[in-house]
Amino acid sequence: MAATTLRRRDRARSGRVPKTTESRPSARTDRSPVQRSDARSNRARILDVAQGVLANNPDATINDVASAAGVVRRTVYSHFASREALIDGIALEAAERISVALERDPAVDESAVTVFVRQTLALARVGDQYRLLLAVARTDLGHNGLHDLLGPMRESAAAVIRRGQREGVFSTYLPAEVLILNIEAIALSILEATNAGLLTDPTGAATTSSLVLLGIAPDEAERIVIGVRAANAPAEAHP
């Protein structure tokens, strides 16, 4: 599994010394429970802040993350030996959230359109983490762990699109695999527009736009999304 691979990579990199002249804090095994709790809290905060920083700027540095988190660079390095290790840490959290978002199996009578909309809404609710994975994967082509993580998600969506194409509800002007890449580009542009204050409902906009890309008329696509959201109201209310 991609998440397992990333965990191995994360553990391996945690011991790698970054190329920096800063002194690194020595490892201690005699920390008190309070110190260990503080360390976990600091790590969680760094991950949370880094997620937003890197989502807005995939080229952000460790210095950028440290500044946004209100800590010194050495504190970040005490938890993540490199920028790549930090991204792996975020990817592990994203993998778990995305897995939960997509874990529901389609109902026997659920149409390809409904399955696609439900899964797209679920991914959109993951928000910054999903956008970060897409953005970094586009700019850091050598980061194989991210591509391993995105692969199963892309294949899952492509399988639903292929089913819809066979059933005649989705257009066949492009292969499903190419359509998925276009849908990812739409998701990124819509979330960027949201950050710029141009949109207030990126989840609905991304899902509706994806259906239009698949050949469904805009008005019909909007109606479908509204219907699926209403049917999944609890999930929509608790992303």
Foldseek 3Di string as FASTA:
>chain_A
DLLVVLVVVLVVQLPPADPDPDDADDDDDPDDPVVVVVLVVLLVLLLVQVLVVCLLPVPDALCNSCVSSVHHSNSVCNGGNGPLSSLSVLLSVLLVQLCVLLVDDDDPPDALLLSLLSSLLSLCVSPSSSSSLLVNCVVPVVSVSSVSSCVVVLVVNLVSLVRCVVVPNFDVPDRSSVLSVVLSVLLSVLSVCVVVVNDDCSSLVSQLVSSVSRPDDSVVSSVSNVVSCVVVVVVVVPD
